[in-house]
Amino acid sequence: MSFKIRVSFEEESIEFDCAPSDTILEAARRQDILMASYCEQGGCGACTALMKKGAVSYVRSVRGITEQPEPGDLIRPCSAMPLEDLDLSPLSRWKLYSQ
């Protein structure tokens, strides 16, 4: 079972699958999507995104972020695992790239 992650930024949008046991960052990388990230522990905020739809849980405590976010809250995809399909709007552009 996997969840659909839809990411919209300005006029672009991408969609990818994420297993419930993966963070959104891990799933994006496996599918050739480059997400802004730095510390990958939830502390720096580089990957911050607005969760427009869905629900997530965190693999670790993330300072400054709601532990049980609702649509309209900011999340840290490097530490968040989906509980259902998600619609996200990142604060910085994610890119598709080929390996």
N, C-alpha and C. Protein backbone atom coordinates (compact mmCIF):
# COMPACT_ATOMS: atom_id res chain seq x y z
N MET A 1 0.83 -1.18 0.00
CA MET A 1 0.00 0.00 0.00
C MET A 1 0.88 1.24 0.00
N SER A 2 0.51 2.22 -0.78
CA SER A 2 1.23 3.49 -0.79
C SER A 2 0.23 4.64 -0.93
N PHE A 3 0.72 5.81 -0.62
CA PHE A 3 -0.11 7.01 -0.70
C PHE A 3 0.38 7.89 -1.83
N LYS A 4 -0.52 8.66 -2.42
CA LYS A 4 -0.17 9.62 -3.48
C LYS A 4 0.21 10.93 -2.82
N ILE A 5 1.35 11.45 -3.22
CA ILE A 5 1.82 12.74 -2.75
C ILE A 5 1.78 13.68 -3.95
N ARG A 6 0.97 14.72 -3.87
CA ARG A 6 0.89 15.71 -4.94
C ARG A 6 1.55 16.98 -4.43
N VAL A 7 2.50 17.49 -5.23
CA VAL A 7 3.25 18.68 -4.85
C VAL A 7 3.01 19.75 -5.90
N SER A 8 2.55 20.90 -5.48
CA SER A 8 2.29 22.02 -6.39
C SER A 8 3.14 23.21 -5.99
N PHE A 9 3.80 23.81 -6.99
CA PHE A 9 4.61 25.00 -6.77
C PHE A 9 4.41 25.91 -7.96
N GLU A 10 3.86 27.08 -7.73
CA GLU A 10 3.52 28.02 -8.79
C GLU A 10 2.65 27.30 -9.82
N GLU A 11 3.09 27.22 -11.06
CA GLU A 11 2.29 26.60 -12.13
C GLU A 11 2.58 25.11 -12.31
N GLU A 12 3.57 24.59 -11.61
CA GLU A 12 3.98 23.20 -11.77
C GLU A 12 3.37 22.31 -10.70
N SER A 13 3.18 21.04 -11.04
CA SER A 13 2.80 20.06 -10.03
C SER A 13 3.37 18.70 -10.43
N ILE A 14 3.69 17.91 -9.42
CA ILE A 14 4.19 16.56 -9.63
C ILE A 14 3.46 15.66 -8.65
N GLU A 15 3.45 14.39 -8.97
CA GLU A 15 2.81 13.41 -8.09
C GLU A 15 3.71 12.19 -8.01
N PHE A 16 3.81 11.63 -6.81
CA PHE A 16 4.61 10.42 -6.63
C PHE A 16 4.01 9.58 -5.51
N ASP A 17 4.44 8.33 -5.43
CA ASP A 17 3.96 7.40 -4.41
C ASP A 17 4.89 7.41 -3.22
N CYS A 18 4.31 7.19 -2.04
CA CYS A 18 5.10 7.11 -0.81
C CYS A 18 4.52 6.01 0.07
N ALA A 19 5.36 5.07 0.45
CA ALA A 19 4.94 4.01 1.37
C ALA A 19 4.73 4.61 2.76
N PRO A 20 3.83 4.05 3.55
CA PRO A 20 3.59 4.58 4.90
C PRO A 20 4.81 4.53 5.81
N SER A 21 5.77 3.68 5.49
CA SER A 21 6.97 3.55 6.33
C SER A 21 8.12 4.46 5.88
N ASP A 22 7.92 5.22 4.79
CA ASP A 22 8.95 6.12 4.27
C ASP A 22 8.62 7.57 4.64
N THR A 23 9.66 8.38 4.80
CA THR A 23 9.41 9.81 4.89
C THR A 23 9.13 10.31 3.47
N ILE A 24 8.52 11.45 3.39
CA ILE A 24 8.22 12.04 2.08
C ILE A 24 9.52 12.32 1.33
N LEU A 25 10.56 12.76 2.03
CA LEU A 25 11.86 13.00 1.40
C LEU A 25 12.44 11.72 0.80
N GLU A 26 12.41 10.63 1.54
CA GLU A 26 12.93 9.35 1.04
C GLU A 26 12.20 8.92 -0.23
N ALA A 27 10.88 9.00 -0.20
CA ALA A 27 10.08 8.59 -1.36
C ALA A 27 10.35 9.48 -2.57
N ALA A 28 10.46 10.77 -2.36
CA ALA A 28 10.73 11.70 -3.46
C ALA A 28 12.07 11.36 -4.11
N ARG A 29 13.09 11.15 -3.32
CA ARG A 29 14.42 10.84 -3.88
C ARG A 29 14.42 9.55 -4.67
N ARG A 30 13.71 8.55 -4.19
CA ARG A 30 13.65 7.27 -4.92
C ARG A 30 13.01 7.43 -6.29
N GLN A 31 12.23 8.49 -6.44
CA GLN A 31 11.50 8.69 -7.70
C GLN A 31 12.03 9.90 -8.47
N ASP A 32 13.31 10.19 -8.26
CA ASP A 32 14.02 11.23 -9.00
C ASP A 32 13.44 12.62 -8.82
N ILE A 33 12.98 12.93 -7.63
CA ILE A 33 12.49 14.26 -7.32
C ILE A 33 13.43 14.87 -6.30
N LEU A 34 14.03 15.98 -6.66
CA LEU A 34 14.99 16.65 -5.80
C LEU A 34 14.24 17.64 -4.92
N MET A 35 14.24 17.40 -3.64
CA MET A 35 13.55 18.24 -2.67
C MET A 35 14.59 19.06 -1.92
N ALA A 36 14.27 20.32 -1.70
CA ALA A 36 15.16 21.14 -0.88
C ALA A 36 15.30 20.49 0.49
N SER A 37 16.52 20.30 0.93
CA SER A 37 16.78 19.73 2.26
C SER A 37 18.21 20.06 2.66
N TYR A 38 18.46 20.01 3.94
CA TYR A 38 19.81 20.25 4.42
C TYR A 38 20.14 19.28 5.55
N CYS A 39 19.53 19.48 6.70
CA CYS A 39 19.89 18.65 7.86
C CYS A 39 19.24 17.27 7.83
N GLU A 40 18.10 17.16 7.18
CA GLU A 40 17.33 15.91 7.07
C GLU A 40 16.90 15.35 8.43
N GLN A 41 16.84 16.21 9.43
CA GLN A 41 16.38 15.83 10.77
C GLN A 41 15.19 16.67 11.22
N GLY A 42 14.73 17.58 10.36
CA GLY A 42 13.59 18.42 10.69
C GLY A 42 13.93 19.72 11.38
N GLY A 43 15.22 19.98 11.61
CA GLY A 43 15.61 21.16 12.36
C GLY A 43 15.84 22.42 11.55
N CYS A 44 16.32 22.30 10.31
CA CYS A 44 16.73 23.49 9.57
C CYS A 44 15.57 24.18 8.86
N GLY A 45 14.54 23.43 8.50
CA GLY A 45 13.39 24.02 7.83
C GLY A 45 13.51 24.15 6.32
N ALA A 46 14.60 23.68 5.72
CA ALA A 46 14.79 23.82 4.27
C ALA A 46 13.70 23.13 3.46
N CYS A 47 13.16 22.04 3.97
CA CYS A 47 12.16 21.26 3.21
C CYS A 47 10.72 21.65 3.55
N THR A 48 10.51 22.64 4.39
CA THR A 48 9.18 22.98 4.88
C THR A 48 8.16 23.13 3.75
N ALA A 49 6.99 22.56 3.96
CA ALA A 49 5.90 22.63 2.98
C ALA A 49 4.58 22.86 3.70
N LEU A 50 3.66 23.51 3.01
CA LEU A 50 2.31 23.68 3.49
C LEU A 50 1.51 22.42 3.14
N MET A 51 0.90 21.79 4.11
CA MET A 51 0.07 20.61 3.86
C MET A 51 -1.36 21.11 3.59
N LYS A 52 -1.78 21.04 2.33
CA LYS A 52 -3.10 21.53 1.96
C LYS A 52 -4.18 20.48 2.18
N LYS A 53 -3.78 19.21 2.11
CA LYS A 53 -4.73 18.11 2.30
C LYS A 53 -3.96 16.91 2.83
N GLY A 54 -4.56 16.13 3.72
CA GLY A 54 -3.96 14.90 4.19
C GLY A 54 -3.60 14.92 5.66
N ALA A 55 -2.80 13.91 6.03
CA ALA A 55 -2.35 13.76 7.42
C ALA A 55 -1.00 13.05 7.41
N VAL A 56 -0.15 13.42 8.36
CA VAL A 56 1.18 12.81 8.50
C VAL A 56 1.46 12.50 9.95
N SER A 57 2.45 11.63 10.15
CA SER A 57 3.02 11.43 11.48
C SER A 57 4.51 11.68 11.33
N TYR A 58 5.19 11.94 12.44
CA TYR A 58 6.62 12.24 12.39
C TYR A 58 7.44 11.08 12.95
N VAL A 59 8.60 10.84 12.32
CA VAL A 59 9.50 9.79 12.79
C VAL A 59 10.33 10.29 13.97
N ARG A 60 10.38 11.59 14.15
CA ARG A 60 11.11 12.19 15.27
C ARG A 60 10.43 13.51 15.62
N SER A 61 10.67 13.99 16.79
CA SER A 61 10.14 15.27 17.23
C SER A 61 10.76 16.39 16.39
N VAL A 62 9.95 17.33 15.95
CA VAL A 62 10.42 18.43 15.12
C VAL A 62 10.09 19.75 15.82
N ARG A 63 11.12 20.47 16.20
CA ARG A 63 10.95 21.72 16.91
C ARG A 63 10.24 22.77 16.05
N GLY A 64 9.24 23.42 16.62
CA GLY A 64 8.55 24.50 15.93
C GLY A 64 7.47 24.06 14.97
N ILE A 65 7.17 22.77 14.94
CA ILE A 65 6.15 22.24 14.03
C ILE A 65 5.13 21.47 14.86
N THR A 66 3.86 21.62 14.50
CA THR A 66 2.78 20.92 15.18
C THR A 66 2.96 19.42 15.03
N GLU A 67 2.90 18.66 16.13
CA GLU A 67 3.13 17.21 16.08
C GLU A 67 2.02 16.46 15.34
N GLN A 68 0.82 16.96 15.38
CA GLN A 68 -0.29 16.35 14.64
C GLN A 68 -0.90 17.42 13.73
N PRO A 69 -0.19 17.73 12.63
CA PRO A 69 -0.64 18.82 11.76
C PRO A 69 -1.96 18.51 11.07
N GLU A 70 -2.68 19.56 10.78
CA GLU A 70 -3.93 19.48 10.05
C GLU A 70 -3.74 20.24 8.74
N PRO A 71 -4.63 20.04 7.76
CA PRO A 71 -4.53 20.84 6.53
C PRO A 71 -4.44 22.33 6.87
N GLY A 72 -3.50 23.00 6.24
CA GLY A 72 -3.24 24.40 6.51
C GLY A 72 -2.01 24.61 7.38
N ASP A 73 -1.49 23.55 7.98
CA ASP A 73 -0.28 23.62 8.81
C ASP A 73 0.97 23.37 7.96
N LEU A 74 2.11 23.84 8.45
CA LEU A 74 3.39 23.54 7.82
C LEU A 74 3.91 22.20 8.33
N ILE A 75 4.57 21.45 7.43
CA ILE A 75 5.19 20.18 7.81
C ILE A 75 6.63 20.16 7.34
N ARG A 76 7.40 19.21 7.85
CA ARG A 76 8.79 18.98 7.42
C ARG A 76 8.84 17.61 6.76
N PRO A 77 8.81 17.56 5.42
CA PRO A 77 8.81 16.28 4.70
C PRO A 77 9.98 15.35 4.99
N CYS A 78 11.10 15.88 5.47
CA CYS A 78 12.24 15.01 5.77
C CYS A 78 11.97 14.12 6.97
N SER A 79 11.00 14.50 7.79
CA SER A 79 10.68 13.74 9.01
C SER A 79 9.25 13.25 9.05
N ALA A 80 8.48 13.52 8.02
CA ALA A 80 7.05 13.19 8.01
C ALA A 80 6.76 11.97 7.14
N MET A 81 5.91 11.10 7.65
CA MET A 81 5.43 9.93 6.91
C MET A 81 3.93 10.11 6.68
N PRO A 82 3.46 9.79 5.47
CA PRO A 82 2.03 10.00 5.19
C PRO A 82 1.14 8.99 5.91
N LEU A 83 -0.02 9.45 6.32
CA LEU A 83 -1.06 8.59 6.86
C LEU A 83 -2.20 8.43 5.86
N GLU A 84 -2.17 9.25 4.81
CA GLU A 84 -3.16 9.22 3.73
C GLU A 84 -2.58 10.02 2.57
N ASP A 85 -3.30 10.12 1.46
CA ASP A 85 -2.85 10.91 0.33
C ASP A 85 -2.63 12.36 0.78
N LEU A 86 -1.61 13.01 0.19
CA LEU A 86 -1.25 14.37 0.59
C LEU A 86 -1.26 15.32 -0.60
N ASP A 87 -1.56 16.56 -0.32
CA ASP A 87 -1.44 17.66 -1.28
C ASP A 87 -0.57 18.70 -0.59
N LEU A 88 0.63 18.93 -1.13
CA LEU A 88 1.61 19.82 -0.50
C LEU A 88 1.97 20.99 -1.40
N SER A 89 2.36 22.06 -0.77
CA SER A 89 2.90 23.22 -1.48
C SER A 89 4.20 23.61 -0.76
N PRO A 90 5.36 23.25 -1.34
CA PRO A 90 6.63 23.54 -0.67
C PRO A 90 6.93 25.04 -0.66
N LEU A 91 7.68 25.48 0.33
CA LEU A 91 8.07 26.88 0.40
C LEU A 91 9.21 27.20 -0.56
N SER A 92 9.92 26.17 -1.05
CA SER A 92 10.93 26.35 -2.09
C SER A 92 10.71 25.28 -3.16
N ARG A 93 11.17 25.55 -4.34
CA ARG A 93 10.91 24.68 -5.49
C ARG A 93 11.60 23.31 -5.35
N TRP A 94 10.86 22.25 -5.69
CA TRP A 94 11.44 20.92 -5.83
C TRP A 94 11.63 20.70 -7.32
N LYS A 95 12.60 19.94 -7.70
CA LYS A 95 12.88 19.75 -9.13
C LYS A 95 12.86 18.27 -9.51
N LEU A 96 12.47 18.03 -10.75
CA LEU A 96 12.63 16.71 -11.34
C LEU A 96 14.01 16.66 -11.96
N TYR A 97 14.70 15.57 -11.79
CA TYR A 97 16.00 15.44 -12.42
C TYR A 97 16.20 14.00 -12.86
N SER A 98 17.05 13.79 -13.85
CA SER A 98 17.30 12.43 -14.32
C SER A 98 18.65 11.97 -13.80
N GLN A 99 18.73 10.68 -13.53
CA GLN A 99 19.97 10.10 -13.01
C GLN A 99 20.81 9.61 -14.15
